Amino acid sequence: MEFSQDDFDRLLLFEHTRKTAETNYAKNPHDAENLTKWGGALLELSQFQNVSESKRMINDAITKLEEALLINPVKHDALWCLGNAHTSQAFLTPELDEAKGSFDKAHDCFQKAVDEDPTNDLYRKSLEVTAKAPELHMEIHKHGLGQQAMGGGASASSNDKSSKKKKKSSDLKYDIFGWIILAVGIVAWVGMAKSHIPSPPPR
């Protein structure tokens, strides 16, 4: 995968967020906001990894987000982020039955996020999209994108038709992850912006 300058900037931003959250966690392991930022950063960084590393990072993100929800069970941004993590996990799982379990968890998380913040359009949209996710998963894996993502499938052919199909599949993969990446990025960016607001001057 080739990185654009924007991708590289995002990679640096979320790596910085991850490291900062790790440092803050050592000082205060009971900060749900910090755990949410950490989970969101891991989820964002997972999009830049190979499949096995991506799965590991997503699992780590899920652990951090679940820990945040143990501290604050109604933290809607953590619920929403956890829904995205389960969605990402499902798309990387070739077996539909196993993936469906992750999609169901994602749906529950998105529903809880909407219940906590009913006016949030992003949460409502995520809930709508997750209903169509199993169908999309079937399409992706039916067309062999799942095998490509897992590193399997037929060896590369010099045939033009084959390379066009791979490019189309690759574009589809990035389209699917695009909304997840954008949404997680927005949440993490807002979280970072909040944490860097200067304190008011003393009176």
Protein backbone atom coordinates (compact mmCIF):
# COMPACT_ATOMS: atom_id res chain seq x y z
CA MET A 1 0.00 0.00 0.00
CA GLU A 2 1.36 3.43 -0.94
CA PHE A 3 0.98 6.27 1.54
CA SER A 4 0.00 9.76 0.53
CA GLN A 5 1.27 12.72 2.54
CA ASP A 6 -2.15 12.91 4.26
CA ASP A 7 -1.93 9.22 5.18
CA PHE A 8 1.54 9.75 6.58
CA ASP A 9 0.38 12.78 8.60
CA ARG A 10 -2.54 10.78 9.97
CA LEU A 11 -0.24 7.90 10.83
CA LEU A 12 2.03 10.26 12.79
CA LEU A 13 -0.93 11.93 14.52
CA PHE A 14 -2.46 8.66 15.70
CA GLU A 15 0.87 7.16 16.70
CA HIS A 16 1.45 10.26 18.83
CA THR A 17 -2.06 9.89 20.29
CA ARG A 18 -1.39 6.22 21.08
CA LYS A 19 1.92 6.96 22.82
CA THR A 20 0.42 9.85 24.81
CA ALA A 21 -2.51 7.67 25.91
CA GLU A 22 -0.12 4.89 26.95
CA THR A 23 1.88 7.37 29.07
CA ASN A 24 -1.30 8.83 30.60
CA TYR A 25 -2.60 5.34 31.36
CA ALA A 26 0.52 4.65 33.47
CA LYS A 27 -0.34 7.74 35.54
CA ASN A 28 -4.10 7.12 35.74
CA PRO A 29 -5.51 3.76 34.57
CA HIS A 30 -9.06 4.82 35.48
CA ASP A 31 -9.45 7.61 32.90
CA ALA A 32 -12.20 6.48 30.49
CA GLU A 33 -11.54 9.39 28.12
CA ASN A 34 -7.86 8.44 27.78
CA LEU A 35 -8.73 4.76 27.20
CA THR A 36 -11.21 5.81 24.50
CA LYS A 37 -8.55 7.91 22.74
CA TRP A 38 -6.12 5.00 22.99
CA GLY A 39 -8.61 2.54 21.53
CA GLY A 40 -9.54 4.97 18.75
CA ALA A 41 -5.88 5.55 17.87
CA LEU A 42 -5.19 1.80 17.73
CA LEU A 43 -8.21 1.30 15.51
CA GLU A 44 -7.03 4.06 13.19
CA LEU A 45 -3.46 2.71 13.10
CA SER A 46 -4.75 -0.80 12.31
CA GLN A 47 -5.80 0.45 8.86
CA PHE A 48 -2.13 0.97 7.94
CA GLN A 49 -0.99 -2.57 8.88
CA ASN A 50 -0.88 -5.96 7.23
CA VAL A 51 -3.82 -8.23 8.05
CA SER A 52 -2.35 -10.11 11.02
CA GLU A 53 -0.99 -6.93 12.63
CA SER A 54 -4.27 -5.17 11.89
CA LYS A 55 -6.23 -7.92 13.66
CA ARG A 56 -3.90 -7.70 16.67
CA MET A 57 -4.33 -3.91 16.89
CA ILE A 58 -8.12 -4.16 16.54
CA ASN A 59 -8.24 -6.72 19.38
CA ASP A 60 -6.08 -4.40 21.49
CA ALA A 61 -8.42 -1.48 20.65
CA ILE A 62 -11.42 -3.58 21.72
CA THR A 63 -9.71 -4.34 25.06
CA LYS A 64 -9.02 -0.63 25.71
CA LEU A 65 -12.54 0.44 24.75
CA GLU A 66 -14.14 -2.28 26.89
CA GLU A 67 -11.95 -1.12 29.78
CA ALA A 68 -13.19 2.46 29.24
CA LEU A 69 -16.78 1.18 29.33
CA LEU A 70 -16.16 -0.66 32.60
CA ILE A 71 -15.25 2.72 34.08
CA ASN A 72 -18.10 4.60 32.36
CA PRO A 73 -20.71 2.25 30.82
CA VAL A 74 -22.66 5.12 29.18
CA LYS A 75 -19.68 6.77 27.44
CA HIS A 76 -21.26 7.05 23.99
CA ASP A 77 -18.08 7.84 22.04
CA ALA A 78 -16.42 4.71 23.48
CA LEU A 79 -19.51 2.65 22.59
CA TRP A 80 -19.44 4.02 19.06
CA CYS A 81 -15.69 3.41 18.69
CA LEU A 82 -16.15 -0.16 19.98
CA GLY A 83 -18.86 -0.67 17.35
CA ASN A 84 -16.36 0.39 14.67
CA ALA A 85 -13.75 -1.97 16.08
CA HIS A 86 -16.16 -4.92 15.93
CA THR A 87 -17.13 -3.92 12.37
CA SER A 88 -13.48 -3.83 11.28
CA GLN A 89 -12.89 -7.19 12.97
CA ALA A 90 -15.87 -8.70 11.14
CA PHE A 91 -14.67 -7.56 7.70
CA LEU A 92 -11.29 -9.20 8.34
CA THR A 93 -13.00 -12.50 9.24
CA PRO A 94 -13.67 -14.68 6.18
CA GLU A 95 -16.28 -16.98 7.81
CA LEU A 96 -19.67 -15.26 7.72
CA ASP A 97 -20.99 -16.98 10.88
CA GLU A 98 -18.02 -15.77 12.90
CA ALA A 99 -18.18 -12.33 11.28
CA LYS A 100 -21.91 -12.13 12.06
CA GLY A 101 -21.12 -12.36 15.77
CA SER A 102 -18.89 -9.30 15.44
CA PHE A 103 -21.50 -7.46 13.37
CA ASP A 104 -24.10 -8.20 16.09
CA LYS A 105 -21.76 -6.79 18.77
CA ALA A 106 -21.19 -3.72 16.58
CA HIS A 107 -24.95 -3.24 16.18
CA ASP A 108 -25.44 -3.44 19.97
CA CYS A 109 -22.68 -0.87 20.55
CA PHE A 110 -24.08 1.53 17.93
CA GLN A 111 -27.59 1.13 19.37
CA LYS A 112 -26.35 1.95 22.89
CA ALA A 113 -24.42 4.97 21.54
CA VAL A 114 -27.60 6.22 19.82
CA ASP A 115 -29.59 5.62 23.03
CA GLU A 116 -27.09 7.74 24.97
CA ASP A 117 -26.86 10.51 22.35
CA PRO A 118 -29.95 10.33 20.08
CA THR A 119 -29.14 13.59 18.24
CA ASN A 120 -25.77 12.34 16.95
CA ASP A 121 -26.11 11.80 13.18
CA LEU A 122 -22.84 9.85 12.96
CA TYR A 123 -24.07 7.29 15.53
CA ARG A 124 -27.41 6.91 13.74
CA LYS A 125 -25.71 6.51 10.35
CA SER A 126 -23.35 3.88 11.78
CA LEU A 127 -26.36 1.97 13.13
CA GLU A 128 -28.03 2.06 9.69
CA VAL A 129 -24.87 0.97 7.86
CA THR A 130 -24.18 -1.92 10.23
CA ALA A 131 -27.52 -3.48 9.27
CA LYS A 132 -26.22 -3.80 5.68
CA ALA A 133 -22.73 -4.94 6.73
CA PRO A 134 -23.27 -8.75 6.61
CA GLU A 135 -24.54 -8.46 3.04
CA LEU A 136 -21.52 -6.37 2.09
CA HIS A 137 -19.24 -8.90 3.82
CA MET A 138 -20.72 -11.71 1.68
CA GLU A 139 -20.14 -9.69 -1.50
CA ILE A 140 -16.54 -8.90 -0.59
CA HIS A 141 -15.61 -12.47 0.22
CA LYS A 142 -17.61 -13.86 -2.72
CA HIS A 143 -15.50 -11.79 -5.11
CA GLY A 144 -12.27 -12.98 -3.52
CA LEU A 145 -11.29 -9.72 -1.85
CA GLY A 146 -11.23 -11.52 1.48
CA GLN A 147 -8.72 -14.05 0.14
CA GLN A 148 -6.55 -11.23 -1.21
CA ALA A 149 -6.70 -9.45 2.12
CA MET A 150 -5.75 -12.68 3.90
CA GLY A 151 -2.84 -13.18 1.51
CA GLY A 152 -4.40 -16.21 -0.19
CA GLY A 153 -5.96 -16.72 -3.58
CA ALA A 154 -4.44 -17.39 -6.98
CA SER A 155 -1.00 -16.10 -7.87
CA ALA A 156 -0.90 -12.77 -9.69
CA SER A 157 -1.44 -13.10 -13.42
CA SER A 158 -0.15 -10.71 -16.06
CA ASN A 159 -3.64 -10.81 -17.54
CA ASP A 160 -5.14 -7.29 -17.82
CA LYS A 161 -8.56 -8.49 -16.73
CA SER A 162 -7.12 -9.99 -13.53
CA SER A 163 -5.23 -6.83 -12.59
CA LYS A 164 -8.31 -4.67 -13.24
CA LYS A 165 -10.41 -6.94 -11.02
CA LYS A 166 -7.77 -6.75 -8.26
CA LYS A 167 -7.67 -2.96 -8.52
CA LYS A 168 -11.47 -2.83 -8.33
CA SER A 169 -11.44 -5.14 -5.28
CA SER A 170 -8.70 -3.08 -3.69
CA ASP A 171 -10.69 0.13 -4.30
CA LEU A 172 -13.76 -1.50 -2.75
CA LYS A 173 -11.75 -2.51 0.33
CA TYR A 174 -10.60 1.09 0.82
CA ASP A 175 -14.16 2.37 0.27
CA ILE A 176 -15.44 0.07 3.00
CA PHE A 177 -12.76 1.01 5.47
CA GLY A 178 -13.00 4.64 4.42
CA TRP A 179 -16.10 5.48 6.44
CA ILE A 180 -14.69 3.64 9.46
CA ILE A 181 -11.37 5.46 9.20
CA LEU A 182 -13.02 8.85 8.73
CA ALA A 183 -15.41 8.38 11.61
CA VAL A 184 -12.76 7.13 14.03
CA GLY A 185 -10.46 9.90 12.90
CA ILE A 186 -13.06 12.55 13.68
CA VAL A 187 -13.66 11.19 17.18
CA ALA A 188 -9.95 10.89 17.95
CA TRP A 189 -9.25 14.36 16.55
CA VAL A 190 -12.05 15.92 18.62
CA GLY A 191 -10.75 14.07 21.68
CA MET A 192 -7.23 15.35 21.07
CA ALA A 193 -8.47 18.88 20.47
CA LYS A 194 -10.35 18.80 23.78
CA SER A 195 -7.27 17.57 25.64
CA HIS A 196 -5.11 20.38 24.21
CA ILE A 197 -7.40 23.31 25.07
CA PRO A 198 -5.30 25.77 27.07
CA SER A 199 -6.44 26.35 30.62
CA PRO A 200 -7.98 29.77 31.30
CA PRO A 201 -5.57 32.42 32.61
CA PRO A 202 -5.53 32.88 36.40
CA ARG A 203 -7.56 35.79 37.74
